[in-house]
C-alpha atoms as a PDB file:
ATOM      1  CA  MET A   1      25.905  31.161 -28.427  1.00  0.00           C
ATOM      2  CA  PRO A   2      28.735  30.979 -25.951  1.00  0.00           C
ATOM      3  CA  VAL A   3      29.699  27.622 -24.686  1.00  0.00           C
ATOM      4  CA  LEU A   4      28.748  28.319 -20.936  1.00  0.00           C
ATOM      5  CA  PRO A   5      24.590  28.040 -21.773  1.00  0.00           C
ATOM      6  CA  ILE A   6      25.199  25.150 -23.775  1.00  0.00           C
ATOM      7  CA  PHE A   7      27.042  23.390 -21.321  1.00  0.00           C
ATOM      8  CA  LEU A   8      24.559  24.331 -18.409  1.00  0.00           C
ATOM      9  CA  TYR A   9      21.629  22.679 -20.680  1.00  0.00           C
ATOM     10  CA  ALA A  10      23.589  19.906 -21.422  1.00  0.00           C
ATOM     11  CA  ALA A  11      24.350  19.189 -17.285  1.00  0.00           C
ATOM     12  CA  VAL A  12      20.479  19.608 -16.615  1.00  0.00           C
ATOM     13  CA  ALA A  13      19.802  17.055 -19.431  1.00  0.00           C
ATOM     14  CA  PHE A  14      22.258  14.616 -18.215  1.00  0.00           C
ATOM     15  CA  PHE A  15      20.652  14.983 -14.591  1.00  0.00           C
ATOM     16  CA  VAL A  16      17.201  14.400 -15.448  1.00  0.00           C
ATOM     17  CA  ALA A  17      18.000  11.232 -17.706  1.00  0.00           C
ATOM     18  CA  ALA A  18      20.495   9.999 -15.079  1.00  0.00           C
ATOM     19  CA  VAL A  19      17.861  10.165 -12.412  1.00  0.00           C
ATOM     20  CA  ALA A  20      15.212   8.972 -14.612  1.00  0.00           C
ATOM     21  CA  LEU A  21      17.259   5.940 -15.648  1.00  0.00           C
ATOM     22  CA  ARG A  22      18.500   4.829 -12.340  1.00  0.00           C
ATOM     23  CA  ALA A  23      15.003   5.343 -10.681  1.00  0.00           C
ATOM     24  CA  ARG A  24      13.464   2.694 -13.287  1.00  0.00           C
ATOM     25  CA  LYS A  25      16.112   0.534 -12.787  1.00  0.00           C
ATOM     26  CA  TYR A  26      15.016   0.509  -8.892  1.00  0.00           C
ATOM     27  CA  ALA A  27      11.476   0.317  -9.568  1.00  0.00           C
ATOM     28  CA  ARG A  28      11.937  -2.550 -12.082  1.00  0.00           C
ATOM     29  CA  GLY A  29      14.686  -4.409  -9.876  1.00  0.00           C
ATOM     30  CA  ARG A  30      14.296  -7.904  -8.309  1.00  0.00           C
ATOM     31  CA  ALA A  31      11.968  -8.495  -5.400  1.00  0.00           C
ATOM     32  CA  HIS A  32      13.700  -7.457  -2.127  1.00  0.00           C
ATOM     33  CA  LEU A  33      14.180  -9.580   0.911  1.00  0.00           C
ATOM     34  CA  ARG A  34      11.793  -8.030   3.412  1.00  0.00           C
ATOM     35  CA  TRP A  35      12.866  -6.807   6.582  1.00  0.00           C
ATOM     36  CA  GLU A  36       9.441  -7.751   8.118  1.00  0.00           C
ATOM     37  CA  LEU A  37      10.604  -5.238  11.337  1.00  0.00           C
ATOM     38  CA  TYR A  38       7.822  -3.735  13.054  1.00  0.00           C
ATOM     39  CA  PRO A  39       6.239  -1.207  13.616  1.00  0.00           C
ATOM     40  CA  VAL A  40       5.636  -0.334   9.964  1.00  0.00           C
ATOM     41  CA  ALA A  41       4.157   3.155   9.575  1.00  0.00           C
ATOM     42  CA  HIS A  42       1.185   2.427   7.396  1.00  0.00           C
ATOM     43  CA  GLU A  43      -0.251   0.028   9.767  1.00  0.00           C
ATOM     44  CA  ARG A  44      -3.567   1.851  10.721  1.00  0.00           C
ATOM     45  CA  GLY A  45      -3.913   1.542  14.817  1.00  0.00           C
ATOM     46  CA  ARG A  46      -1.099  -0.779  14.960  1.00  0.00           C
ATOM     47  CA  ALA A  47       2.093   1.191  14.268  1.00  0.00           C
ATOM     48  CA  GLN A  48       1.753   2.930  17.747  1.00  0.00           C
ATOM     49  CA  TYR A  49       2.562  -0.380  19.739  1.00  0.00           C
ATOM     50  CA  GLY A  50       4.476  -2.340  16.988  1.00  0.00           C
ATOM     51  CA  GLY A  51       1.601  -4.403  16.160  1.00  0.00           C
ATOM     52  CA  SER A  52       0.839  -5.581  12.385  1.00  0.00           C
ATOM     53  CA  HIS A  53      -1.946  -7.133  10.386  1.00  0.00           C
ATOM     54  CA  PHE A  54      -0.656 -10.579  11.045  1.00  0.00           C
ATOM     55  CA  GLU A  55      -2.382 -10.224  14.247  1.00  0.00           C
ATOM     56  CA  VAL A  56      -6.081 -10.803  12.506  1.00  0.00           C
ATOM     57  CA  PRO A  57      -6.872 -13.964  11.962  1.00  0.00           C
ATOM     58  CA  ASP A  58      -7.031 -14.994   7.748  1.00  0.00           C
ATOM     59  CA  HIS A  59      -4.997 -11.394   7.233  1.00  0.00           C
ATOM     60  CA  TRP A  60      -4.308 -12.400   3.729  1.00  0.00           C
ATOM     61  CA  THR A  61      -8.301 -12.456   2.888  1.00  0.00           C
ATOM     62  CA  ARG A  62      -9.228  -9.258   4.400  1.00  0.00           C
ATOM     63  CA  GLN A  63      -9.068  -5.692   2.805  1.00  0.00           C
ATOM     64  CA  ARG A  64      -6.480  -3.732   4.211  1.00  0.00           C
ATOM     65  CA  ALA A  65      -6.765   0.028   5.280  1.00  0.00           C
ATOM     66  CA  LEU A  66      -3.612   1.495   5.190  1.00  0.00           C
ATOM     67  CA  ASP A  67      -2.386   4.738   6.787  1.00  0.00           C
ATOM     68  CA  ARG A  68      -0.918   6.861   4.444  1.00  0.00           C
ATOM     69  CA  ARG A  69      -0.615   9.946   6.643  1.00  0.00           C
ATOM     70  CA  GLY A  70       1.391   7.843   9.079  1.00  0.00           C
ATOM     71  CA  GLU A  71       3.425   6.792   6.312  1.00  0.00           C
ATOM     72  CA  ALA A  72       3.931  10.330   5.432  1.00  0.00           C
ATOM     73  CA  ARG A  73       4.869  11.612   8.954  1.00  0.00           C
ATOM     74  CA  ALA A  74       7.192   8.995   9.336  1.00  0.00           C
ATOM     75  CA  MET A  75       9.087  10.066   6.133  1.00  0.00           C
ATOM     76  CA  ALA A  76       8.805  13.617   6.601  1.00  0.00           C
ATOM     77  CA  ALA A  77      10.524  12.812  10.154  1.00  0.00           C
ATOM     78  CA  GLU A  78      12.831  10.805   8.364  1.00  0.00           C
ATOM     79  CA  ILE A  79      13.782  13.261   5.334  1.00  0.00           C
ATOM     80  CA  VAL A  80      13.659  16.471   7.017  1.00  0.00           C
ATOM     81  CA  LEU A  81      14.693  15.798  10.730  1.00  0.00           C
ATOM     82  CA  LEU A  82      16.961  12.489  10.226  1.00  0.00           C
ATOM     83  CA  ALA A  83      15.050  10.991  12.949  1.00  0.00           C
ATOM     84  CA  GLY A  84      16.877   7.769  12.161  1.00  0.00           C
ATOM     85  CA  VAL A  85      20.229   9.191  12.458  1.00  0.00           C
ATOM     86  CA  ARG A  86      19.587  11.342  15.866  1.00  0.00           C
ATOM     87  CA  ARG A  87      18.308   8.191  17.460  1.00  0.00           C
ATOM     88  CA  HIS A  88      21.375   6.048  16.578  1.00  0.00           C
ATOM     89  CA  ASN A  89      24.257   8.533  16.279  1.00  0.00           C
ATOM     90  CA  ARG A  90      23.793  11.780  17.859  1.00  0.00           C
ATOM     91  CA  SER A  91      27.256  13.057  17.326  1.00  0.00           C
ATOM     92  CA  LEU A  92      26.979  12.481  13.498  1.00  0.00           C
ATOM     93  CA  TRP A  93      23.407  14.045  13.363  1.00  0.00           C
ATOM     94  CA  ARG A  94      24.701  17.388  14.721  1.00  0.00           C
ATOM     95  CA  PHE A  95      26.333  17.790  11.367  1.00  0.00           C
ATOM     96  CA  SER A  96      24.306  15.830   9.154  1.00  0.00           C
ATOM     97  CA  LEU A  97      21.093  17.793   9.810  1.00  0.00           C
ATOM     98  CA  PRO A  98      22.687  21.164   8.774  1.00  0.00           C
ATOM     99  CA  TYR A  99      24.269  19.375   5.812  1.00  0.00           C
ATOM    100  CA  HIS A 100      20.592  18.346   4.803  1.00  0.00           C
ATOM    101  CA  LEU A 101      18.784  21.381   5.756  1.00  0.00           C
ATOM    102  CA  GLY A 102      21.267  23.128   3.466  1.00  0.00           C
ATOM    103  CA  VAL A 103      20.844  20.740   0.560  1.00  0.00           C
ATOM    104  CA  TYR A 104      16.926  21.500   0.810  1.00  0.00           C
ATOM    105  CA  LEU A 105      17.420  25.231   1.164  1.00  0.00           C
ATOM    106  CA  VAL A 106      19.854  25.406  -1.746  1.00  0.00           C
ATOM    107  CA  SER A 107      17.308  23.402  -4.186  1.00  0.00           C
ATOM    108  CA  LEU A 108      14.681  25.509  -3.012  1.00  0.00           C
ATOM    109  CA  TRP A 109      17.016  28.750  -3.572  1.00  0.00           C
ATOM    110  CA  LEU A 110      17.685  27.293  -7.399  1.00  0.00           C
ATOM    111  CA  GLY A 111      13.875  26.888  -7.855  1.00  0.00           C
ATOM    112  CA  LEU A 112      13.290  30.412  -6.789  1.00  0.00           C
ATOM    113  CA  VAL A 113      16.025  31.889  -8.994  1.00  0.00           C
ATOM    114  CA  VAL A 114      14.806  30.060 -12.113  1.00  0.00           C
ATOM    115  CA  ALA A 115      11.469  31.650 -11.274  1.00  0.00           C
ATOM    116  CA  GLY A 116      12.894  34.908 -10.949  1.00  0.00           C
ATOM    117  CA  GLY A 117      14.669  34.759 -14.336  1.00  0.00           C
ATOM    118  CA  LEU A 118      11.464  33.674 -16.015  1.00  0.00           C
ATOM    119  CA  PHE A 119       9.109  36.082 -14.802  1.00  0.00           C
ATOM    120  CA  TRP A 120      11.935  39.180 -14.194  1.00  0.00           C
ATOM    121  CA  PRO A 121      14.637  38.306 -16.472  1.00  0.00           C
ATOM    122  CA  ALA A 122      16.496  41.822 -15.807  1.00  0.00           C
ATOM    123  CA  GLY A 123      17.313  40.292 -12.012  1.00  0.00           C
ATOM    124  CA  ASP A 124      14.916  43.276 -10.437  1.00  0.00           C
ATOM    125  CA  LEU A 125      12.902  40.755  -8.257  1.00  0.00           C
ATOM    126  CA  PRO A 126      10.103  41.978  -6.247  1.00  0.00           C
ATOM    127  CA  ARG A 127      10.869  42.502  -2.367  1.00  0.00           C
ATOM    128  CA  PRO A 128       9.176  39.574  -1.228  1.00  0.00           C
ATOM    129  CA  LEU A 129      10.798  37.245  -3.786  1.00  0.00           C
ATOM    130  CA  SER A 130      14.365  39.073  -3.345  1.00  0.00           C
ATOM    131  CA  LEU A 131      13.992  38.575   0.423  1.00  0.00           C
ATOM    132  CA  ALA A 132      13.043  34.751   0.057  1.00  0.00           C
ATOM    133  CA  VAL A 133      16.109  34.070  -2.539  1.00  0.00           C
ATOM    134  CA  ASP A 134      18.496  35.819  -0.019  1.00  0.00           C
ATOM    135  CA  ALA A 135      17.108  33.708   2.907  1.00  0.00           C
ATOM    136  CA  THR A 136      17.234  30.327   1.101  1.00  0.00           C
ATOM    137  CA  GLY A 137      20.543  31.187  -0.731  1.00  0.00           C
ATOM    138  CA  PHE A 138      22.611  32.652   1.950  1.00  0.00           C
ATOM    139  CA  GLY A 139      20.835  30.365   4.528  1.00  0.00           C
ATOM    140  CA  GLY A 140      21.565  27.194   2.180  1.00  0.00           C
ATOM    141  CA  PHE A 141      25.278  27.714   1.566  1.00  0.00           C
ATOM    142  CA  GLY A 142      25.963  28.631   4.980  1.00  0.00           C
ATOM    143  CA  LEU A 143      24.048  25.617   6.829  1.00  0.00           C
ATOM    144  CA  GLY A 144      25.987  23.326   3.671  1.00  0.00           C
ATOM    145  CA  LEU A 145      29.131  24.548   4.473  1.00  0.00           C
ATOM    146  CA  VAL A 146      28.723  24.088   7.957  1.00  0.00           C
ATOM    147  CA  GLY A 147      27.344  20.556   8.000  1.00  0.00           C
ATOM    148  CA  GLY A 148      29.558  19.388   5.139  1.00  0.00           C
ATOM    149  CA  ALA A 149      32.718  20.650   6.689  1.00  0.00           C
ATOM    150  CA  GLY A 150      31.677  19.224  10.135  1.00  0.00           C
ATOM    151  CA  LEU A 151      30.760  15.722   8.213  1.00  0.00           C
ATOM    152  CA  LEU A 152      34.625  16.056   6.482  1.00  0.00           C
ATOM    153  CA  TRP A 153      36.108  16.712   9.732  1.00  0.00           C
ATOM    154  CA  ARG A 154      34.354  13.642  11.280  1.00  0.00           C
ATOM    155  CA  ARG A 155      35.503  11.317   8.706  1.00  0.00           C
ATOM    156  CA  LEU A 156      39.002  12.433   8.822  1.00  0.00           C
ATOM    157  CA  ARG A 157      39.426  12.425  12.431  1.00  0.00           C
ATOM    158  CA  ASP A 158      36.887   9.931  13.581  1.00  0.00           C
ATOM    159  CA  VAL A 159      38.738   6.375  13.962  1.00  0.00           C
ATOM    160  CA  SER A 160      35.442   4.349  13.853  1.00  0.00           C
ATOM    161  CA  LEU A 161      34.497   6.036  10.693  1.00  0.00           C
ATOM    162  CA  ARG A 162      37.647   5.369   8.837  1.00  0.00           C
ATOM    163  CA  PRO A 163      36.954   1.807   7.926  1.00  0.00           C
ATOM    164  CA  TYR A 164      33.939   3.281   5.452  1.00  0.00           C
ATOM    165  CA  ASN A 165      35.665   6.164   4.215  1.00  0.00           C
ATOM    166  CA  ALA A 166      35.912   5.354   0.361  1.00  0.00           C
ATOM    167  CA  PRO A 167      37.530   7.920  -1.554  1.00  0.00           C
ATOM    168  CA  ALA A 168      33.851   8.563  -3.210  1.00  0.00           C
ATOM    169  CA  ASP A 169      32.693   9.713  -0.094  1.00  0.00           C
ATOM    170  CA  LEU A 170      35.287  12.321   0.558  1.00  0.00           C
ATOM    171  CA  ALA A 171      35.189  13.355  -2.929  1.00  0.00           C
ATOM    172  CA  ASN A 172      31.362  14.350  -2.446  1.00  0.00           C
ATOM    173  CA  LEU A 173      31.972  16.236   0.286  1.00  0.00           C
ATOM    174  CA  GLY A 174      34.703  18.008  -1.517  1.00  0.00           C
ATOM    175  CA  ALA A 175      32.983  18.784  -4.240  1.00  0.00           C
ATOM    176  CA  TRP A 176      30.059  20.030  -2.466  1.00  0.00           C
ATOM    177  CA  LEU A 177      32.080  22.225  -0.111  1.00  0.00           C
ATOM    178  CA  THR A 178      33.523  23.898  -3.190  1.00  0.00           C
ATOM    179  CA  ALA A 179      30.571  24.998  -4.829  1.00  0.00           C
ATOM    180  CA  MET A 180      29.006  25.945  -2.031  1.00  0.00           C
ATOM    181  CA  GLY A 181      31.962  27.936  -0.921  1.00  0.00           C
ATOM    182  CA  TRP A 182      32.301  29.758  -3.972  1.00  0.00           C
ATOM    183  CA  SER A 183      28.744  30.634  -4.195  1.00  0.00           C
ATOM    184  CA  LEU A 184      28.595  32.163  -0.790  1.00  0.00           C
ATOM    185  CA  GLY A 185      31.775  34.047  -1.293  1.00  0.00           C
ATOM    186  CA  VAL A 186      30.648  35.546  -4.762  1.00  0.00           C
ATOM    187  CA  HIS A 187      27.211  36.689  -3.848  1.00  0.00           C
ATOM    188  CA  ALA A 188      28.459  38.097  -0.062  1.00  0.00           C
ATOM    189  CA  ALA A 189      30.771  40.250  -2.318  1.00  0.00           C
ATOM    190  CA  GLU A 190      27.798  41.064  -4.546  1.00  0.00           C
ATOM    191  CA  GLY A 191      25.323  41.559  -1.809  1.00  0.00           C
ATOM    192  CA  GLY A 192      22.478  39.604  -3.455  1.00  0.00           C
ATOM    193  CA  PHE A 193      21.554  37.438  -6.374  1.00  0.00           C
ATOM    194  CA  ALA A 194      20.417  39.908  -8.892  1.00  0.00           C
ATOM    195  CA  SER A 195      23.435  38.935 -11.360  1.00  0.00           C
ATOM    196  CA  LEU A 196      22.729  34.985 -11.245  1.00  0.00           C
ATOM    197  CA  VAL A 197      18.834  35.747 -11.528  1.00  0.00           C
ATOM    198  CA  ALA A 198      19.358  38.053 -14.532  1.00  0.00           C
ATOM    199  CA  PHE A 199      21.882  35.372 -16.230  1.00  0.00           C
ATOM    200  CA  GLY A 200      19.182  32.764 -15.517  1.00  0.00           C
ATOM    201  CA  GLY A 201      16.616  34.877 -17.365  1.00  0.00           C
ATOM    202  CA  ASP A 202      19.036  35.028 -20.431  1.00  0.00           C
ATOM    203  CA  TRP A 203      19.628  31.363 -20.368  1.00  0.00           C
ATOM    204  CA  LEU A 204      15.791  30.480 -20.112  1.00  0.00           C
ATOM    205  CA  ARG A 205      15.305  32.839 -23.225  1.00  0.00           C
ATOM    206  CA  LEU A 206      18.436  31.191 -25.089  1.00  0.00           C
ATOM    207  CA  ARG A 207      20.067  34.521 -25.019  1.00  0.00           C
ATOM    208  CA  ALA A 208      23.644  34.772 -25.918  1.00  0.00           C
ATOM    209  CA  VAL A 209      25.055  36.569 -23.190  1.00  0.00           C
ATOM    210  CA  ALA A 210      27.813  35.966 -20.991  1.00  0.00           C
ATOM    211  CA  PRO A 211      28.176  36.734 -17.403  1.00  0.00           C
ATOM    212  CA  ALA A 212      30.737  38.256 -15.296  1.00  0.00           C
ATOM    213  CA  TRP A 213      33.806  35.599 -14.694  1.00  0.00           C
ATOM    214  CA  PRO A 214      32.631  34.820 -10.985  1.00  0.00           C
ATOM    215  CA  ILE A 215      28.949  34.029 -12.123  1.00  0.00           C
ATOM    216  CA  ALA A 216      30.711  31.852 -15.138  1.00  0.00           C
ATOM    217  CA  VAL A 217      32.891  30.138 -12.627  1.00  0.00           C
ATOM    218  CA  GLU A 218      29.866  29.497 -10.137  1.00  0.00           C
ATOM    219  CA  VAL A 219      27.587  28.007 -12.875  1.00  0.00           C
ATOM    220  CA  VAL A 220      30.274  25.607 -14.182  1.00  0.00           C
ATOM    221  CA  LEU A 221      30.668  24.348 -10.707  1.00  0.00           C
ATOM    222  CA  GLY A 222      26.808  23.849  -9.896  1.00  0.00           C
ATOM    223  CA  ALA A 223      26.424  22.427 -13.406  1.00  0.00           C
ATOM    224  CA  LEU A 224      29.392  19.552 -12.658  1.00  0.00           C
ATOM    225  CA  LEU A 225      28.201  18.708  -9.189  1.00  0.00           C
ATOM    226  CA  LEU A 226      24.293  18.620 -10.727  1.00  0.00           C
ATOM    227  CA  ALA A 227      25.560  16.020 -13.240  1.00  0.00           C
ATOM    228  CA  TYR A 228      27.884  13.986 -10.684  1.00  0.00           C
ATOM    229  CA  LEU A 229      24.858  13.570  -8.247  1.00  0.00           C
ATOM    230  CA  PRO A 230      22.748  10.919  -9.884  1.00  0.00           C
ATOM    231  CA  LEU A 231      26.360   9.004 -10.476  1.00  0.00           C
ATOM    232  CA  SER A 232      27.239   9.222  -6.801  1.00  0.00           C
ATOM    233  CA  ARG A 233      26.142   7.727  -3.333  1.00  0.00           C
ATOM    234  CA  MET A 234      24.160  10.983  -2.987  1.00  0.00           C
ATOM    235  CA  PHE A 235      21.572   9.669  -5.170  1.00  0.00           C
ATOM    236  CA  HIS A 236      19.972   8.142  -1.973  1.00  0.00           C
ATOM    237  CA  PHE A 237      17.749  11.156  -2.180  1.00  0.00           C
ATOM    238  CA  VAL A 238      15.972   8.890  -4.747  1.00  0.00           C
ATOM    239  CA  ALA A 239      16.934   5.460  -3.679  1.00  0.00           C
ATOM    240  CA  LYS A 240      15.841   6.105  -0.038  1.00  0.00           C
ATOM    241  CA  TYR A 241      11.812   6.135  -1.449  1.00  0.00           C
ATOM    242  CA  PHE A 242      12.469   2.399  -2.701  1.00  0.00           C
ATOM    243  CA  LEU A 243      14.637   1.257   0.575  1.00  0.00           C
ATOM    244  CA  TYR A 244      11.635   2.319   2.535  1.00  0.00           C
ATOM    245  CA  HIS A 245       8.535   1.153   0.532  1.00  0.00           C
ATOM    246  CA  ASP A 246      10.061  -1.844  -1.284  1.00  0.00           C
ATOM    247  CA  VAL A 247      12.138  -3.123   1.558  1.00  0.00           C
ATOM    248  CA  ARG A 248      11.091  -1.801   5.118  1.00  0.00           C
ATOM    249  CA  TRP A 249       7.669  -1.256   4.676  1.00  0.00           C
ATOM    250  CA  ASP A 250       6.725  -3.820   2.050  1.00  0.00           C
ATOM    251  CA  ASP A 251       4.483  -6.373   3.951  1.00  0.00           C
ATOM    252  CA  ALA A 252       1.720  -6.548   1.205  1.00  0.00           C
ATOM    253  CA  PRO A 253       0.131 -10.429   0.928  1.00  0.00           C
ATOM    254  CA  ASN A 254       1.503 -12.579  -1.658  1.00  0.00           C
ATOM    255  CA  PRO A 255      -1.718 -14.295  -3.005  1.00  0.00           C
ATOM    256  CA  PRO A 256      -1.563 -17.309  -5.542  1.00  0.00           C
ATOM    257  CA  GLY A 257      -1.235 -16.482  -9.034  1.00  0.00           C
ATOM    258  CA  GLY A 258      -0.119 -12.541  -8.004  1.00  0.00           C
ATOM    259  CA  ASP A 259       2.389 -10.567  -9.611  1.00  0.00           C
ATOM    260  CA  LEU A 260       4.612 -11.038  -6.285  1.00  0.00           C
ATOM    261  CA  GLU A 261       4.619 -14.740  -6.893  1.00  0.00           C
ATOM    262  CA  ARG A 262       5.678 -14.549 -10.360  1.00  0.00           C
ATOM    263  CA  ARG A 263       8.553 -12.253  -9.591  1.00  0.00           C
ATOM    264  CA  LEU A 264       9.677 -14.872  -6.597  1.00  0.00           C
ATOM    265  CA  VAL A 265       9.442 -17.923  -8.737  1.00  0.00           C
ATOM    266  CA  ARG A 266      11.819 -16.213 -11.300  1.00  0.00           C
ATOM    267  CA  ALA A 267      13.976 -15.348  -8.384  1.00  0.00           C
ATOM    268  CA  MET A 268      14.073 -18.908  -7.202  1.00  0.00           C
ATOM    269  CA  ASP A 269      16.580 -19.755 -10.572  1.00  0.00           C
ATOM    270  CA  PHE A 270      18.523 -16.897  -9.683  1.00  0.00           C
ATOM    271  CA  GLY A 271      22.464 -18.143  -9.259  1.00  0.00           C
ATOM    272  CA  LEU A 272      23.596 -18.596  -5.359  1.00  0.00           C
ATOM    273  CA  ALA A 273      27.505 -18.480  -4.862  1.00  0.00           C
ATOM    274  CA  TRP A 274      27.156 -18.408  -0.695  1.00  0.00           C
ATOM    275  CA  SER A 275      29.996 -20.354   0.857  1.00  0.00           C
ATOM    276  CA  ALA A 276      27.474 -20.963   3.793  1.00  0.00           C
ATOM    277  CA  PRO A 277      27.018 -24.791   4.691  1.00  0.00           C
ATOM    278  CA  HIS A 278      23.266 -24.726   4.306  1.00  0.00           C
ATOM    279  CA  ALA A 279      23.882 -23.358   0.706  1.00  0.00           C
ATOM    280  CA  ALA A 280      27.161 -24.664  -0.601  1.00  0.00           C
ATOM    281  CA  GLY A 281      27.189 -26.576  -3.903  1.00  0.00           C
ATOM    282  CA  ALA A 282      23.722 -25.289  -4.912  1.00  0.00           C
ATOM    283  CA  GLY A 283      23.524 -23.662  -7.991  1.00  0.00           C
ATOM    284  CA  THR A 284      20.305 -21.733  -7.436  1.00  0.00           C
ATOM    285  CA  TRP A 285      18.200 -20.679  -4.977  1.00  0.00           C
ATOM    286  CA  ARG A 286      15.546 -23.305  -5.889  1.00  0.00           C
ATOM    287  CA  GLU A 287      18.203 -26.143  -5.422  1.00  0.00           C
ATOM    288  CA  ALA A 288      19.334 -24.617  -2.191  1.00  0.00           C
ATOM    289  CA  ALA A 289      15.911 -24.753  -0.818  1.00  0.00           C
ATOM    290  CA  ARG A 290      14.839 -27.971  -2.237  1.00  0.00           C
ATOM    291  CA  SER A 291      18.180 -29.433  -0.281  1.00  0.00           C
ATOM    292  CA  HIS A 292      17.581 -27.883   2.779  1.00  0.00           C
ATOM    293  CA  THR A 293      13.750 -29.183   2.512  1.00  0.00           C
ATOM    294  CA  ASP A 294      15.177 -32.811   1.967  1.00  0.00           C
ATOM    295  CA  GLY A 295      17.536 -32.304   4.488  1.00  0.00           C
ATOM    296  CA  GLU A 296      14.760 -31.754   7.137  1.00  0.00           C
ATOM    297  CA  SER A 297      12.586 -34.371   6.343  1.00  0.00           C
ATOM    298  CA  SER A 298      15.053 -36.813   6.252  1.00  0.00           C
END
């Protein structure tokens, strides 16, 4: 078998393993410091005005009714429309929105290409599926290029963003623009995605067929980008779930003897290296809390 299909299989396997391992690390991580900033989207009947279950007497003894639909709506607004970026930084949102929409469309396009290769290995897709592949592919590449180029321009030209410009951020955008630009050029010249679908069909069936060199370059760039994603800051597409559910929205009660209490008791023995006056000289969180409490009582 040629090297290219093996390289692509290795990149996919690496991506899946890396995402699973990093997500597991987040899921099993230490207890977070809660924000306790309201409104919280799953507060049924109270999120609209910023209330919480703390308004209810003896709230920790009562069964809570969580609004999962409200939570899903808030996540959708943040993931799809980038509501937080739009609210706090409208000028950045103008480029960040098309960039993220491009990512979503390219992900959908990739799924359609794989499905097409699986069921129509010759690349002769049914008309509706062919139109969907064209729309998501060209639309995703175009939006991704516009948004990515705009974000790169902002990082290079906006003085207020320069202190936050780590080399990795510029590398992320550069890798994305290279892969999207190449793919858009190849398939615009071809007039569609039939050759890539055909390669996908051969790849899924472990057939040793080498594609034309422009498709081969596209596959290499895509495989490298896929393997790079979970190692970069672009991994926030998974990390954001834990940020919302374990930090921003985690307001579950902490009953005696519960799992959260056990995690917090263990956390009290973690090392503390702050130089703040109220924590100076304390070896652990427990020692800092005890010394602070003793100081108040005296």
